[in-house]
Amino acid sequence: MTITVLYFAWVRERIGIPREAVETEAATVAALVDELRAREERYAVAFADISALRVALDQELSDFDAPLDGVREVAFFPPMTGG
């Protein structure tokens, strides 16, 4: 399946692009992250500590163990802070 993957804030800075279409067979967000990490060093660096990241599936906050079945868009971003 092809999923649009969006990167925000420092995730985008480390990977170097804001979005891409990713062909994946990953069943969960965590499996997608593993695939991305294996691509290149820049992805490995960006996803080194997923506890410092949040994920949204089709614009709804989700967890890294969430299934990707039927998902069209995955967004990765750091936690929001108030102020």
PDB file of N, CA and C in Angstrom:
ATOM      1  N   MET A   1       0.832  -1.174   0.000  1.00  0.00           N
ATOM      2  CA  MET A   1       0.000   0.000   0.000  1.00  0.00           C
ATOM      3  C   MET A   1       0.885   1.247   0.000  1.00  0.00           C
ATOM      4  N   THR A   2       0.349   2.336  -0.515  1.00  0.00           N
ATOM      5  CA  THR A   2       1.069   3.603  -0.513  1.00  0.00           C
ATOM      6  C   THR A   2       0.418   4.529   0.504  1.00  0.00           C
ATOM      7  N   ILE A   3       1.238   5.079   1.383  1.00  0.00           N
ATOM      8  CA  ILE A   3       0.779   5.993   2.428  1.00  0.00           C
ATOM      9  C   ILE A   3       1.537   7.305   2.283  1.00  0.00           C
ATOM     10  N   THR A   4       0.836   8.418   2.454  1.00  0.00           N
ATOM     11  CA  THR A   4       1.500   9.715   2.506  1.00  0.00           C
ATOM     12  C   THR A   4       2.027   9.906   3.921  1.00  0.00           C
ATOM     13  N   VAL A   5       3.315  10.177   4.038  1.00  0.00           N
ATOM     14  CA  VAL A   5       3.933  10.380   5.346  1.00  0.00           C
ATOM     15  C   VAL A   5       4.358  11.847   5.439  1.00  0.00           C
ATOM     16  N   LEU A   6       3.919  12.501   6.503  1.00  0.00           N
ATOM     17  CA  LEU A   6       4.231  13.911   6.744  1.00  0.00           C
ATOM     18  C   LEU A   6       5.188  14.018   7.926  1.00  0.00           C
ATOM     19  N   TYR A   7       6.143  14.938   7.816  1.00  0.00           N
ATOM     20  CA  TYR A   7       7.115  15.166   8.884  1.00  0.00           C
ATOM     21  C   TYR A   7       7.039  16.632   9.295  1.00  0.00           C
ATOM     22  N   PHE A   8       6.993  16.884  10.603  1.00  0.00           N
ATOM     23  CA  PHE A   8       6.886  18.248  11.104  1.00  0.00           C
ATOM     24  C   PHE A   8       8.025  18.582  12.064  1.00  0.00           C
ATOM     25  N   ALA A   9       8.316  19.873  12.161  1.00  0.00           N
ATOM     26  CA  ALA A   9       9.293  20.434  13.100  1.00  0.00           C
ATOM     27  C   ALA A   9      10.661  19.778  12.929  1.00  0.00           C
ATOM     28  N   TRP A  10      11.304  19.356  14.021  1.00  0.00           N
ATOM     29  CA  TRP A  10      12.662  18.816  13.920  1.00  0.00           C
ATOM     30  C   TRP A  10      12.709  17.482  13.186  1.00  0.00           C
ATOM     31  N   VAL A  11      11.590  16.773  13.109  1.00  0.00           N
ATOM     32  CA  VAL A  11      11.574  15.529  12.340  1.00  0.00           C
ATOM     33  C   VAL A  11      11.813  15.875  10.863  1.00  0.00           C
ATOM     34  N   ARG A  12      11.108  16.878  10.374  1.00  0.00           N
ATOM     35  CA  ARG A  12      11.281  17.337   8.991  1.00  0.00           C
ATOM     36  C   ARG A  12      12.708  17.826   8.759  1.00  0.00           C
ATOM     37  N   GLU A  13      13.253  18.555   9.717  1.00  0.00           N
ATOM     38  CA  GLU A  13      14.619  19.075   9.582  1.00  0.00           C
ATOM     39  C   GLU A  13      15.637  17.937   9.476  1.00  0.00           C
ATOM     40  N   ARG A  14      15.468  16.908  10.261  1.00  0.00           N
ATOM     41  CA  ARG A  14      16.423  15.787  10.240  1.00  0.00           C
ATOM     42  C   ARG A  14      16.303  14.943   8.979  1.00  0.00           C
ATOM     43  N   ILE A  15      15.083  14.764   8.504  1.00  0.00           N
ATOM     44  CA  ILE A  15      14.890  13.948   7.305  1.00  0.00           C
ATOM     45  C   ILE A  15      15.131  14.768   6.038  1.00  0.00           C
ATOM     46  N   GLY A  16      14.794  16.049   6.084  1.00  0.00           N
ATOM     47  CA  GLY A  16      15.090  16.929   4.960  1.00  0.00           C
ATOM     48  C   GLY A  16      13.955  17.141   3.976  1.00  0.00           C
ATOM     49  N   ILE A  17      12.800  16.559   4.248  1.00  0.00           N
ATOM     50  CA  ILE A  17      11.633  16.754   3.385  1.00  0.00           C
ATOM     51  C   ILE A  17      10.379  16.858   4.250  1.00  0.00           C
ATOM     52  N   PRO A  18       9.351  17.567   3.787  1.00  0.00           N
ATOM     53  CA  PRO A  18       8.136  17.696   4.581  1.00  0.00           C
ATOM     54  C   PRO A  18       7.143  16.545   4.419  1.00  0.00           C
ATOM     55  N   ARG A  19       7.205  15.850   3.271  1.00  0.00           N
ATOM     56  CA  ARG A  19       6.249  14.767   3.006  1.00  0.00           C
ATOM     57  C   ARG A  19       6.781  13.868   1.917  1.00  0.00           C
ATOM     58  N   GLU A  20       6.265  12.640   1.908  1.00  0.00           N
ATOM     59  CA  GLU A  20       6.617  11.716   0.836  1.00  0.00           C
ATOM     60  C   GLU A  20       5.573  10.608   0.767  1.00  0.00           C
ATOM     61  N   ALA A  21       5.468  10.001  -0.383  1.00  0.00           N
ATOM     62  CA  ALA A  21       4.627   8.813  -0.559  1.00  0.00           C
ATOM     63  C   ALA A  21       5.512   7.603  -0.285  1.00  0.00           C
ATOM     64  N   VAL A  22       5.074   6.759   0.616  1.00  0.00           N
ATOM     65  CA  VAL A  22       5.860   5.597   1.019  1.00  0.00           C
ATOM     66  C   VAL A  22       5.098   4.322   0.664  1.00  0.00           C
ATOM     67  N   GLU A  23       5.753   3.454  -0.065  1.00  0.00           N
ATOM     68  CA  GLU A  23       5.203   2.133  -0.364  1.00  0.00           C
ATOM     69  C   GLU A  23       5.604   1.218   0.794  1.00  0.00           C
ATOM     70  N   THR A  24       4.614   0.636   1.460  1.00  0.00           N
ATOM     71  CA  THR A  24       4.898  -0.157   2.650  1.00  0.00           C
ATOM     72  C   THR A  24       3.988  -1.362   2.752  1.00  0.00           C
ATOM     73  N   GLU A  25       4.479  -2.365   3.430  1.00  0.00           N
ATOM     74  CA  GLU A  25       3.683  -3.532   3.797  1.00  0.00           C
ATOM     75  C   GLU A  25       3.518  -3.579   5.317  1.00  0.00           C
ATOM     76  N   ALA A  26       3.921  -2.510   6.006  1.00  0.00           N
ATOM     77  CA  ALA A  26       3.861  -2.456   7.469  1.00  0.00           C
ATOM     78  C   ALA A  26       2.420  -2.584   7.959  1.00  0.00           C
ATOM     79  N   ALA A  27       2.245  -3.357   9.016  1.00  0.00           N
ATOM     80  CA  ALA A  27       0.915  -3.551   9.587  1.00  0.00           C
ATOM     81  C   ALA A  27       0.589  -2.504  10.651  1.00  0.00           C
ATOM     82  N   THR A  28       1.632  -1.933  11.273  1.00  0.00           N
ATOM     83  CA  THR A  28       1.436  -0.956  12.342  1.00  0.00           C
ATOM     84  C   THR A  28       2.339   0.252  12.115  1.00  0.00           C
ATOM     85  N   VAL A  29       2.080   1.299  12.864  1.00  0.00           N
ATOM     86  CA  VAL A  29       2.940   2.482  12.798  1.00  0.00           C
ATOM     87  C   VAL A  29       4.360   2.111  13.196  1.00  0.00           C
ATOM     88  N   ALA A  30       4.518   1.317  14.239  1.00  0.00           N
ATOM     89  CA  ALA A  30       5.857   0.919  14.695  1.00  0.00           C
ATOM     90  C   ALA A  30       6.614   0.180  13.593  1.00  0.00           C
ATOM     91  N   ALA A  31       5.923  -0.689  12.862  1.00  0.00           N
ATOM     92  CA  ALA A  31       6.571  -1.407  11.760  1.00  0.00           C
ATOM     93  C   ALA A  31       6.958  -0.446  10.636  1.00  0.00           C
ATOM     94  N   LEU A  32       6.132   0.571  10.386  1.00  0.00           N
ATOM     95  CA  LEU A  32       6.482   1.598   9.399  1.00  0.00           C
ATOM     96  C   LEU A  32       7.731   2.346   9.834  1.00  0.00           C
ATOM     97  N   VAL A  33       7.809   2.700  11.099  1.00  0.00           N
ATOM     98  CA  VAL A  33       8.993   3.385  11.628  1.00  0.00           C
ATOM     99  C   VAL A  33      10.236   2.513  11.441  1.00  0.00           C
ATOM    100  N   ASP A  34      10.121   1.223  11.702  1.00  0.00           N
ATOM    101  CA  ASP A  34      11.251   0.313  11.491  1.00  0.00           C
ATOM    102  C   ASP A  34      11.700   0.325  10.030  1.00  0.00           C
ATOM    103  N   GLU A  35      10.740   0.301   9.103  1.00  0.00           N
ATOM    104  CA  GLU A  35      11.075   0.366   7.680  1.00  0.00           C
ATOM    105  C   GLU A  35      11.786   1.676   7.341  1.00  0.00           C
ATOM    106  N   LEU A  36      11.267   2.772   7.872  1.00  0.00           N
ATOM    107  CA  LEU A  36      11.877   4.082   7.592  1.00  0.00           C
ATOM    108  C   LEU A  36      13.293   4.159   8.160  1.00  0.00           C
ATOM    109  N   ARG A  37      13.469   3.687   9.396  1.00  0.00           N
ATOM    110  CA  ARG A  37      14.804   3.693  10.021  1.00  0.00           C
ATOM    111  C   ARG A  37      15.828   2.955   9.163  1.00  0.00           C
ATOM    112  N   ALA A  38      15.400   1.877   8.541  1.00  0.00           N
ATOM    113  CA  ALA A  38      16.308   1.047   7.748  1.00  0.00           C
ATOM    114  C   ALA A  38      16.674   1.682   6.407  1.00  0.00           C
ATOM    115  N   ARG A  39      15.952   2.704   5.992  1.00  0.00           N
ATOM    116  CA  ARG A  39      16.193   3.339   4.692  1.00  0.00           C
ATOM    117  C   ARG A  39      17.559   4.015   4.607  1.00  0.00           C
ATOM    118  N   GLU A  40      17.782   4.971   5.511  1.00  0.00           N
ATOM    119  CA  GLU A  40      18.991   5.800   5.477  1.00  0.00           C
ATOM    120  C   GLU A  40      19.285   6.309   6.888  1.00  0.00           C
ATOM    121  N   GLU A  41      20.488   6.792   7.070  1.00  0.00           N
ATOM    122  CA  GLU A  41      20.905   7.320   8.374  1.00  0.00           C
ATOM    123  C   GLU A  41      20.015   8.470   8.838  1.00  0.00           C
ATOM    124  N   ARG A  42      19.599   9.335   7.925  1.00  0.00           N
ATOM    125  CA  ARG A  42      18.788  10.490   8.339  1.00  0.00           C
ATOM    126  C   ARG A  42      17.467  10.048   8.971  1.00  0.00           C
ATOM    127  N   TYR A  43      16.890   8.962   8.485  1.00  0.00           N
ATOM    128  CA  TYR A  43      15.666   8.426   9.088  1.00  0.00           C
ATOM    129  C   TYR A  43      15.982   7.780  10.440  1.00  0.00           C
ATOM    130  N   ALA A  44      17.086   7.059  10.502  1.00  0.00           N
ATOM    131  CA  ALA A  44      17.489   6.429  11.759  1.00  0.00           C
ATOM    132  C   ALA A  44      17.673   7.479  12.850  1.00  0.00           C
ATOM    133  N   VAL A  45      18.269   8.613  12.489  1.00  0.00           N
ATOM    134  CA  VAL A  45      18.468   9.700  13.452  1.00  0.00           C
ATOM    135  C   VAL A  45      17.124  10.298  13.872  1.00  0.00           C
ATOM    136  N   ALA A  46      16.253  10.558  12.914  1.00  0.00           N
ATOM    137  CA  ALA A  46      14.962  11.181  13.210  1.00  0.00           C
ATOM    138  C   ALA A  46      14.089  10.292  14.094  1.00  0.00           C
ATOM    139  N   PHE A  47      14.181   8.974  13.898  1.00  0.00           N
ATOM    140  CA  PHE A  47      13.337   8.043  14.648  1.00  0.00           C
ATOM    141  C   PHE A  47      14.107   7.283  15.726  1.00  0.00           C
ATOM    142  N   ALA A  48      15.228   7.816  16.166  1.00  0.00           N
ATOM    143  CA  ALA A  48      16.049   7.146  17.178  1.00  0.00           C
ATOM    144  C   ALA A  48      15.299   6.963  18.498  1.00  0.00           C
ATOM    145  N   ASP A  49      14.486   7.928  18.863  1.00  0.00           N
ATOM    146  CA  ASP A  49      13.760   7.877  20.140  1.00  0.00           C
ATOM    147  C   ASP A  49      12.298   8.204  19.885  1.00  0.00           C
ATOM    148  N   ILE A  50      11.492   7.184  19.599  1.00  0.00           N
ATOM    149  CA  ILE A  50      10.098   7.467  19.278  1.00  0.00           C
ATOM    150  C   ILE A  50       9.290   7.934  20.482  1.00  0.00           C
ATOM    151  N   SER A  51       9.847   7.805  21.695  1.00  0.00           N
ATOM    152  CA  SER A  51       9.139   8.348  22.863  1.00  0.00           C
ATOM    153  C   SER A  51       9.093   9.876  22.802  1.00  0.00           C
ATOM    154  N   ALA A  52       9.944  10.474  21.958  1.00  0.00           N
ATOM    155  CA  ALA A  52       9.962  11.926  21.778  1.00  0.00           C
ATOM    156  C   ALA A  52       9.078  12.364  20.608  1.00  0.00           C
ATOM    157  N   LEU A  53       8.276  11.434  20.088  1.00  0.00           N
ATOM    158  CA  LEU A  53       7.425  11.728  18.939  1.00  0.00           C
ATOM    159  C   LEU A  53       5.965  11.419  19.215  1.00  0.00           C
ATOM    160  N   ARG A  54       5.110  12.067  18.459  1.00  0.00           N
ATOM    161  CA  ARG A  54       3.686  11.759  18.433  1.00  0.00           C
ATOM    162  C   ARG A  54       3.346  11.386  16.995  1.00  0.00           C
ATOM    163  N   VAL A  55       2.235  10.693  16.828  1.00  0.00           N
ATOM    164  CA  VAL A  55       1.812  10.271  15.491  1.00  0.00           C
ATOM    165  C   VAL A  55       0.314  10.531  15.344  1.00  0.00           C
ATOM    166  N   ALA A  56      -0.060  10.915  14.128  1.00  0.00           N
ATOM    167  CA  ALA A  56      -1.470  11.061  13.791  1.00  0.00           C
ATOM    168  C   ALA A  56      -1.738  10.240  12.537  1.00  0.00           C
ATOM    169  N   LEU A  57      -2.857   9.536  12.552  1.00  0.00           N
ATOM    170  CA  LEU A  57      -3.287   8.753  11.402  1.00  0.00           C
ATOM    171  C   LEU A  57      -4.532   9.406  10.831  1.00  0.00           C
ATOM    172  N   ASP A  58      -4.455   9.819   9.588  1.00  0.00           N
ATOM    173  CA  ASP A  58      -5.558  10.533   8.947  1.00  0.00           C
ATOM    174  C   ASP A  58      -6.057  11.677   9.830  1.00  0.00           C
ATOM    175  N   GLN A  59      -5.113  12.423  10.371  1.00  0.00           N
ATOM    176  CA  GLN A  59      -5.318  13.637  11.176  1.00  0.00           C
ATOM    177  C   GLN A  59      -5.955  13.386  12.539  1.00  0.00           C
ATOM    178  N   GLU A  60      -5.825  12.168  13.051  1.00  0.00           N
ATOM    179  CA  GLU A  60      -6.282  11.869  14.407  1.00  0.00           C
ATOM    180  C   GLU A  60      -5.124  11.295  15.202  1.00  0.00           C
ATOM    181  N   LEU A  61      -4.891  11.832  16.408  1.00  0.00           N
ATOM    182  CA  LEU A  61      -3.806  11.329  17.246  1.00  0.00           C
ATOM    183  C   LEU A  61      -3.959   9.830  17.461  1.00  0.00           C
ATOM    184  N   SER A  62      -2.845   9.144  17.462  1.00  0.00           N
ATOM    185  CA  SER A  62      -2.870   7.699  17.586  1.00  0.00           C
ATOM    186  C   SER A  62      -1.643   7.219  18.348  1.00  0.00           C
ATOM    187  N   ASP A  63      -1.475   5.903  18.405  1.00  0.00           N
ATOM    188  CA  ASP A  63      -0.344   5.285  19.074  1.00  0.00           C
ATOM    189  C   ASP A  63       0.514   4.556  18.049  1.00  0.00           C
ATOM    190  N   PHE A  64       1.748   4.260  18.435  1.00  0.00           N
ATOM    191  CA  PHE A  64       2.667   3.581  17.536  1.00  0.00           C
ATOM    192  C   PHE A  64       2.296   2.120  17.300  1.00  0.00           C
ATOM    193  N   ASP A  65       1.437   1.558  18.143  1.00  0.00           N
ATOM    194  CA  ASP A  65       0.999   0.178  17.920  1.00  0.00           C
ATOM    195  C   ASP A  65      -0.293   0.110  17.099  1.00  0.00           C
ATOM    196  N   ALA A  66      -0.767   1.255  16.621  1.00  0.00           N
ATOM    197  CA  ALA A  66      -2.010   1.308  15.844  1.00  0.00           C
ATOM    198  C   ALA A  66      -1.833   0.656  14.472  1.00  0.00           C
ATOM    199  N   PRO A  67      -2.865  -0.031  14.002  1.00  0.00           N
ATOM    200  CA  PRO A  67      -2.795  -0.649  12.676  1.00  0.00           C
ATOM    201  C   PRO A  67      -2.872   0.401  11.563  1.00  0.00           C
ATOM    202  N   LEU A  68      -2.252   0.081  10.432  1.00  0.00           N
ATOM    203  CA  LEU A  68      -2.252   0.988   9.282  1.00  0.00           C
ATOM    204  C   LEU A  68      -3.297   0.615   8.235  1.00  0.00           C
ATOM    205  N   ASP A  69      -4.022  -0.444   8.456  1.00  0.00           N
ATOM    206  CA  ASP A  69      -5.012  -0.891   7.489  1.00  0.00           C
ATOM    207  C   ASP A  69      -6.015   0.232   7.200  1.00  0.00           C
ATOM    208  N   GLY A  70      -6.102   0.653   5.939  1.00  0.00           N
ATOM    209  CA  GLY A  70      -7.038   1.694   5.540  1.00  0.00           C
ATOM    210  C   GLY A  70      -6.555   3.119   5.749  1.00  0.00           C
ATOM    211  N   VAL A  71      -5.387   3.282   6.339  1.00  0.00           N
ATOM    212  CA  VAL A  71      -4.854   4.627   6.616  1.00  0.00           C
ATOM    213  C   VAL A  71      -4.260   5.217   5.335  1.00  0.00           C
ATOM    214  N   ARG A  72      -4.551   6.477   5.073  1.00  0.00           N
ATOM    215  CA  ARG A  72      -4.013   7.160   3.890  1.00  0.00           C
ATOM    216  C   ARG A  72      -2.859   8.084   4.236  1.00  0.00           C
ATOM    217  N   GLU A  73      -2.850   8.608   5.490  1.00  0.00           N
ATOM    218  CA  GLU A  73      -1.840   9.609   5.861  1.00  0.00           C
ATOM    219  C   GLU A  73      -1.330   9.361   7.276  1.00  0.00           C
ATOM    220  N   VAL A  74      -0.009   9.401   7.418  1.00  0.00           N
ATOM    221  CA  VAL A  74       0.640   9.280   8.730  1.00  0.00           C
ATOM    222  C   VAL A  74       1.480  10.533   8.929  1.00  0.00           C
ATOM    223  N   ALA A  75       1.324  11.180  10.078  1.00  0.00           N
ATOM    224  CA  ALA A  75       2.107  12.381  10.381  1.00  0.00           C
ATOM    225  C   ALA A  75       2.903  12.161  11.654  1.00  0.00           C
ATOM    226  N   PHE A  76       4.181  12.538  11.604  1.00  0.00           N
ATOM    227  CA  PHE A  76       5.066  12.445  12.761  1.00  0.00           C
ATOM    228  C   PHE A  76       5.463  13.840  13.198  1.00  0.00           C
ATOM    229  N   PHE A  77       5.408  14.097  14.519  1.00  0.00           N
ATOM    230  CA  PHE A  77       5.723  15.422  15.039  1.00  0.00           C
ATOM    231  C   PHE A  77       6.096  15.318  16.509  1.00  0.00           C
ATOM    232  N   PRO A  78       6.838  16.308  17.020  1.00  0.00           N
ATOM    233  CA  PRO A  78       7.152  16.303  18.446  1.00  0.00           C
ATOM    234  C   PRO A  78       5.932  16.696  19.252  1.00  0.00           C
ATOM    235  N   PRO A  79       5.934  16.373  20.548  1.00  0.00           N
ATOM    236  CA  PRO A  79       4.801  16.753  21.403  1.00  0.00           C
ATOM    237  C   PRO A  79       4.614  18.273  21.398  1.00  0.00           C
ATOM    238  N   MET A  80       3.383  18.687  21.511  1.00  0.00           N
ATOM    239  CA  MET A  80       3.074  20.124  21.566  1.00  0.00           C
ATOM    240  C   MET A  80       3.319  20.634  22.984  1.00  0.00           C
ATOM    241  N   THR A  81       3.729  21.857  23.071  1.00  0.00           N
ATOM    242  CA  THR A  81       3.903  22.481  24.384  1.00  0.00           C
ATOM    243  C   THR A  81       3.012  23.712  24.466  1.00  0.00           C
ATOM    244  N   GLY A  82       2.571  24.003  25.637  1.00  0.00           N
ATOM    245  CA  GLY A  82       1.695  25.164  25.839  1.00  0.00           C
ATOM    246  C   GLY A  82       2.502  26.413  26.164  1.00  0.00           C
ATOM    247  N   GLY A  83       1.822  27.526  26.173  1.00  0.00           N
ATOM    248  CA  GLY A  83       2.533  28.747  26.546  1.00  0.00           C
ATOM    249  C   GLY A  83       2.023  29.958  25.880  1.00  0.00           C
TER     250      GLY A  83
END
